[in-house]
C-alpha cells in the first residue's frame, strides 16, 4: 500500500470517529426523592433523569415498594434526548425510609448507572401506652407508664393528663414517662397521653386500677397451727408434745411444704 493510500485510509477512519462522536453523547444522570404525606391517592415519590443523551437512555426502577413508574422524553435541537421517569405510589407510614433504586442504561456508558434513594413519607403520630402491669397496689413505689409514639416528622410535644382532673400530687412526668411515686386512691383513674407533630395530634389512654395488696408472682407460704397436745408415755412417764405448726404454699394446687417448725 502506497503512502497516499495510507493517508487516505487514516483520514477516512478519523472522519468516521468524528462522526461517531458527533452521533453519540453521554447523558447526565440524576435522581431525587420527593417528601410526601401519607394518604389515599397515588403521588410522585421519586424522579430520575437522563439528560441530553444520544441515543436516548432507558430508565428502570428496582425496589420492594408497590406502585409504578411512567417515562417521558424530549429531543433537543442537537439531536440529543432527555428522558425523565417518575415513580408513583399510594404512600403509607410503612413506606418511609424504604429504598428505591433508579437504573439508567445508555450505549455510551461503560455500565448501568445505579442510584438508590430512600422514600420520605410524613405522617401524624400513632400512640400507645406501655409498662402497665396491673399490679398497682396501695403503697407501691414508682409505678411507671410510658407513652410510645411513631411519627414523621418527630413529635414536638408529649402531654399527660387525667380524665378525672388535674394529675394527682403523687405523679411526676418526665417527657413521655409518667411515674407514680406512691400508689394511692388518687391514681385510680384514666391517664391520657397526647402526642403532636406538625401534621396533627393523636391521643391514647389507659385506665389504672388500684388494688388492695400486691399480686405477687413469688410463692407465699401459709402457716397453720394445730392446737392441742399429744401425750406419750415412756417407762411410766407421761410427756406432752409441743404445739405443731406447718407451712404450705398458697400458690400451688398441691400441699407443697414451704417449711416446718415445731
Protein backbone atom coordinates (compact mmCIF):
# COMPACT_ATOMS: atom_id res chain seq x y z
CA UNK A 1 0.00 0.00 0.00
CA UNK A 2 1.40 3.33 -1.06
CA UNK A 3 1.79 6.40 1.12
CA UNK A 4 -1.14 8.18 -0.47
CA UNK A 5 -3.39 5.20 0.13
CA UNK A 6 -2.35 5.04 3.81
CA UNK A 7 -3.07 8.73 4.25
CA UNK A 8 -6.45 8.33 2.62
CA UNK A 9 -7.31 5.38 4.90
CA UNK A 10 -6.27 7.24 8.07
CA UNK A 11 -8.33 10.25 7.05
CA UNK A 12 -11.33 8.02 6.42
CA UNK A 13 -11.01 6.38 9.87
CA UNK A 14 -10.63 9.79 11.52
CA UNK A 15 -13.74 11.06 9.80
CA UNK A 16 -15.66 8.00 10.97
CA UNK A 17 -14.53 8.52 14.60
CA UNK A 18 -15.54 12.17 14.35
CA UNK A 19 -18.96 11.22 13.03
CA UNK A 20 -19.35 8.63 15.83
CA UNK A 21 -18.52 11.25 18.45
CA UNK A 22 -21.00 13.64 16.94
CA UNK A 23 -23.68 11.00 16.69
CA UNK A 24 -23.40 9.91 20.37
CA UNK A 25 -23.49 11.78 23.67
CA UNK A 26 -23.23 10.51 27.22
CA UNK A 27 -26.23 11.53 29.33
CA UNK A 28 -26.08 13.42 32.59
CA UNK A 29 -27.97 11.30 35.12
CA UNK A 30 -29.57 12.26 38.43
CA UNK A 31 -32.29 11.06 40.78
CA UNK A 32 -34.06 12.53 43.76
CA UNK A 33 -36.77 11.74 46.29
CA UNK A 34 -39.82 13.92 46.97
CA UNK A 35 -41.15 14.33 50.50
CA UNK A 36 -44.86 13.46 50.54
CA UNK A 37 -47.60 12.93 53.11
CA UNK A 38 -49.27 9.59 53.76
CA UNK A 39 -52.66 9.46 52.07
CA UNK A 40 -55.10 7.51 49.92
CA UNK A 41 -54.06 8.73 46.45
CA UNK A 42 -51.04 7.86 44.31
CA UNK A 43 -48.44 10.65 44.16
CA UNK A 44 -44.94 11.05 42.73
CA UNK A 45 -42.39 9.96 45.37
CA UNK A 46 -39.20 9.87 43.29
CA UNK A 47 -37.82 11.16 39.96
CA UNK A 48 -34.95 10.04 37.74
CA UNK A 49 -33.48 11.78 34.67
CA UNK A 50 -31.01 11.07 31.90
CA UNK A 51 -30.28 14.48 30.34
CA UNK A 52 -29.13 15.12 26.75
CA UNK A 53 -28.06 11.63 25.81
CA UNK A 54 -27.58 10.35 22.29
CA UNK A 55 -29.06 7.88 21.64
CA UNK A 56 -31.85 8.05 24.19
CA UNK A 57 -31.26 6.30 27.52
CA UNK A 58 -33.61 3.79 29.12
CA UNK A 59 -34.70 4.15 32.76
CA UNK A 60 -35.94 1.41 35.07
CA UNK A 61 -36.67 1.16 38.79
CA UNK A 62 -35.81 -1.51 41.32
CA UNK A 63 -37.40 -1.81 44.78
CA UNK A 64 -39.73 -3.74 47.07
CA UNK A 65 -42.30 -0.96 47.31
CA UNK A 66 -45.60 -1.02 45.45
CA UNK A 67 -46.53 1.47 42.78
CA UNK A 68 -45.46 2.05 39.16
CA UNK A 69 -43.49 4.45 37.01
CA UNK A 70 -44.06 6.50 33.86
CA UNK A 71 -41.40 7.73 31.43
CA UNK A 72 -41.33 10.68 29.02
CA UNK A 73 -38.70 12.01 26.59
CA UNK A 74 -37.93 15.23 24.72
CA UNK A 75 -35.47 15.93 21.90
CA UNK A 76 -33.05 18.83 21.75
CA UNK A 77 -32.00 20.83 18.64
CA UNK A 78 -28.68 18.99 18.55
CA UNK A 79 -30.36 15.61 18.33
CA UNK A 80 -29.83 14.65 21.98
CA UNK A 81 -32.69 13.20 24.01
CA UNK A 82 -33.67 13.90 27.63
CA UNK A 83 -35.50 11.04 29.34
CA UNK A 84 -37.43 11.56 32.59
CA UNK A 85 -39.12 8.95 34.78
CA UNK A 86 -41.49 9.44 37.74
CA UNK A 87 -42.31 6.78 40.34
CA UNK A 88 -45.79 6.89 41.89
CA UNK A 89 -47.41 5.04 44.77
CA UNK A 90 -50.06 5.47 47.49
CA UNK A 91 -47.77 6.46 50.41
CA UNK A 92 -48.20 4.89 53.84
CA UNK A 93 -46.20 5.35 57.06
CA UNK A 94 -44.60 1.95 56.44
CA UNK A 95 -43.09 3.25 53.18
CA UNK A 96 -41.00 5.90 54.95
CA UNK A 97 -37.31 5.03 54.65
CA UNK A 98 -37.80 2.22 52.15
CA UNK A 99 -35.28 2.08 49.33
CA UNK A 100 -35.99 2.59 45.63
CA UNK A 101 -33.22 2.42 43.00
CA UNK A 102 -33.05 4.17 39.62
CA UNK A 103 -31.23 2.29 36.81
CA UNK A 104 -30.09 4.12 33.66
CA UNK A 105 -28.72 2.31 30.61
CA UNK A 106 -27.25 4.01 27.54
CA UNK A 107 -24.80 2.95 24.83
CA UNK A 108 -22.02 5.37 25.76
CA UNK A 109 -21.94 4.26 29.40
CA UNK A 110 -19.46 1.60 30.46
CA UNK A 111 -22.05 0.14 32.82
CA UNK A 112 -25.54 0.70 34.18
CA UNK A 113 -25.85 3.89 36.24
CA UNK A 114 -27.31 2.93 39.65
CA UNK A 115 -28.66 5.44 42.17
CA UNK A 116 -30.63 4.40 45.30
CA UNK A 117 -32.94 6.80 47.14
CA UNK A 118 -34.87 6.41 50.39
CA UNK A 119 -38.53 7.39 50.38
CA UNK A 120 -39.63 10.26 52.60
CA UNK A 121 -43.21 9.93 53.84
CA UNK A 122 -44.60 12.21 56.54
CA UNK A 123 -47.48 11.17 58.82
CA UNK A 124 -49.15 12.18 62.11
CA UNK A 125 -48.32 10.29 65.33
CA UNK A 126 -49.56 6.85 66.28
CA UNK A 127 -49.57 6.41 70.08
CA UNK A 128 -49.51 3.53 72.56
CA UNK A 129 -49.07 3.35 76.36
CA UNK A 130 -46.82 0.63 77.75
CA UNK A 131 -45.48 -0.73 81.08
CA UNK A 132 -48.80 -1.03 82.98
CA UNK A 133 -48.51 -4.36 84.83
CA UNK A 134 -51.98 -4.48 86.52
CA UNK A 135 -50.27 -4.60 89.92
CA UNK A 136 -50.75 -1.08 91.27
CA UNK A 137 -51.34 -1.94 94.92
CA UNK A 138 -51.76 0.56 97.74
CA UNK A 139 -48.41 1.96 98.86
CA UNK A 140 -46.41 0.72 95.87
CA UNK A 141 -43.47 2.94 94.90
CA UNK A 142 -42.51 4.16 91.44
CA UNK A 143 -45.20 2.66 89.24
CA UNK A 144 -44.50 3.72 85.63
CA UNK A 145 -46.38 4.34 82.39
CA UNK A 146 -44.52 5.01 79.12
CA UNK A 147 -46.06 6.78 76.12
CA UNK A 148 -44.61 5.45 72.85
CA UNK A 149 -45.16 7.15 69.50
CA UNK A 150 -44.27 6.77 65.85
CA UNK A 151 -44.33 9.95 63.75
CA UNK A 152 -42.57 11.71 60.90
CA UNK A 153 -41.50 14.40 61.48
CA UNK A 154 -40.72 13.54 65.12
CA UNK A 155 -43.14 14.67 67.87
CA UNK A 156 -42.93 18.25 69.05
CA UNK A 157 -44.84 17.72 72.33
CA UNK A 158 -45.94 14.86 74.60
CA UNK A 159 -48.61 15.72 77.18
CA UNK A 160 -50.03 13.63 80.06
CA UNK A 161 -53.46 14.36 81.56
CA UNK A 162 -56.03 12.54 83.69
CA UNK A 163 -59.70 12.15 82.84
CA UNK A 164 -60.59 12.74 86.48
CA UNK A 165 -58.98 16.21 86.54
CA UNK A 166 -55.51 17.53 87.39
CA UNK A 167 -52.75 14.97 87.71
CA UNK A 168 -52.54 13.58 91.27
CA UNK A 169 -49.87 15.01 93.56
CA UNK A 170 -48.02 11.68 93.61
CA UNK A 171 -47.47 11.77 89.83
CA UNK A 172 -44.24 13.01 88.22
CA UNK A 173 -43.98 13.49 84.42
CA UNK A 174 -40.67 13.42 82.55
CA UNK A 175 -41.23 13.64 78.80
CA UNK A 176 -43.01 10.51 77.65
CA UNK A 177 -42.72 8.82 81.08
CA UNK A 178 -45.26 9.11 83.90
CA UNK A 179 -44.16 7.90 87.35
CA UNK A 180 -46.37 7.42 90.41
CA UNK A 181 -44.11 7.91 93.41
CA UNK A 182 -46.55 6.18 95.75
CA UNK A 183 -49.77 4.48 94.67
CA UNK A 184 -52.94 5.63 96.43
CA UNK A 185 -56.64 6.02 95.59
CA UNK A 186 -55.93 9.22 93.63
CA UNK A 187 -54.34 7.25 90.78
CA UNK A 188 -57.40 5.02 90.45
CA UNK A 189 -58.17 6.88 87.19
CA UNK A 190 -57.67 7.04 83.41
CA UNK A 191 -54.44 8.59 82.15
CA UNK A 192 -54.29 10.16 78.68
CA UNK A 193 -51.16 10.68 76.57
CA UNK A 194 -51.35 13.15 73.65
CA UNK A 195 -48.56 13.41 71.07
CA UNK A 196 -48.29 16.20 68.47
CA UNK A 197 -46.25 16.92 65.36
CA UNK A 198 -46.77 19.42 62.53
CA UNK A 199 -49.33 17.13 60.84
CA UNK A 200 -51.64 16.70 63.82
CA UNK A 201 -52.13 15.16 67.25
CA UNK A 202 -53.12 11.70 68.49
CA UNK A 203 -54.28 10.52 71.92
CA UNK A 204 -54.32 7.19 73.70
CA UNK A 205 -55.49 6.36 77.20
CA UNK A 206 -55.27 3.67 79.85
CA UNK A 207 -57.31 3.03 82.98
CA UNK A 208 -55.26 2.12 86.05
CA UNK A 209 -56.90 0.15 88.86
CA UNK A 210 -55.59 0.33 92.42
CA UNK A 211 -55.80 -2.98 94.27
CA UNK A 212 -55.65 -3.65 97.99
CA UNK A 213 -52.50 -5.73 98.01
CA UNK A 214 -49.78 -6.92 95.68
CA UNK A 215 -50.41 -9.64 93.15
CA UNK A 216 -47.08 -11.26 93.83
CA UNK A 217 -45.53 -13.72 91.46
CA UNK A 218 -43.31 -15.19 94.18
CA UNK A 219 -44.71 -18.20 96.11
CA UNK A 220 -46.14 -17.34 99.53
CA UNK A 221 -46.42 -19.64 102.46
CA UNK A 222 -49.40 -20.17 104.75
CA UNK A 223 -48.60 -21.40 108.20
CA UNK A 224 -51.22 -23.42 110.07
CA UNK A 225 -51.01 -24.17 113.79
CA UNK A 226 -52.60 -27.36 115.11
CA UNK A 227 -53.95 -26.55 118.56
CA UNK A 228 -53.79 -29.35 121.16
CA UNK A 229 -51.29 -31.72 122.61
CA UNK A 230 -50.25 -35.30 122.25
CA UNK A 231 -49.35 -37.40 125.28
CA UNK A 232 -46.71 -40.11 125.13
CA UNK A 233 -45.73 -42.49 127.91
CA UNK A 234 -42.21 -43.83 128.31
CA UNK A 235 -41.21 -46.03 131.21
CA UNK A 236 -44.31 -44.98 133.04
CA UNK A 237 -43.64 -41.26 132.48
CA UNK A 238 -46.19 -39.15 130.57
CA UNK A 239 -44.94 -36.32 128.26
CA UNK A 240 -46.96 -33.62 126.41
CA UNK A 241 -45.86 -32.78 122.83
CA UNK A 242 -45.38 -29.05 121.93
CA UNK A 243 -47.71 -27.04 119.65
CA UNK A 244 -47.24 -28.05 115.96
CA UNK A 245 -47.01 -25.57 113.05
CA UNK A 246 -46.73 -26.46 109.35
CA UNK A 247 -46.31 -24.10 106.36
CA UNK A 248 -47.83 -24.70 102.91
CA UNK A 249 -47.55 -22.93 99.54
CA UNK A 250 -50.73 -20.94 98.76
CA UNK A 251 -49.97 -20.65 95.01
CA UNK A 252 -49.77 -24.33 94.13
CA UNK A 253 -52.51 -26.87 93.71
CA UNK A 254 -50.62 -29.35 95.88
CA UNK A 255 -49.89 -29.11 99.59
CA UNK A 256 -46.25 -28.32 99.00
CA UNK A 257 -44.44 -27.77 102.30
CA UNK A 258 -42.55 -24.47 102.39
CA UNK A 259 -41.06 -25.16 105.78
CA UNK A 260 -41.95 -26.88 109.04
CA UNK A 261 -41.45 -25.53 112.53
CA UNK A 262 -42.05 -27.27 115.79
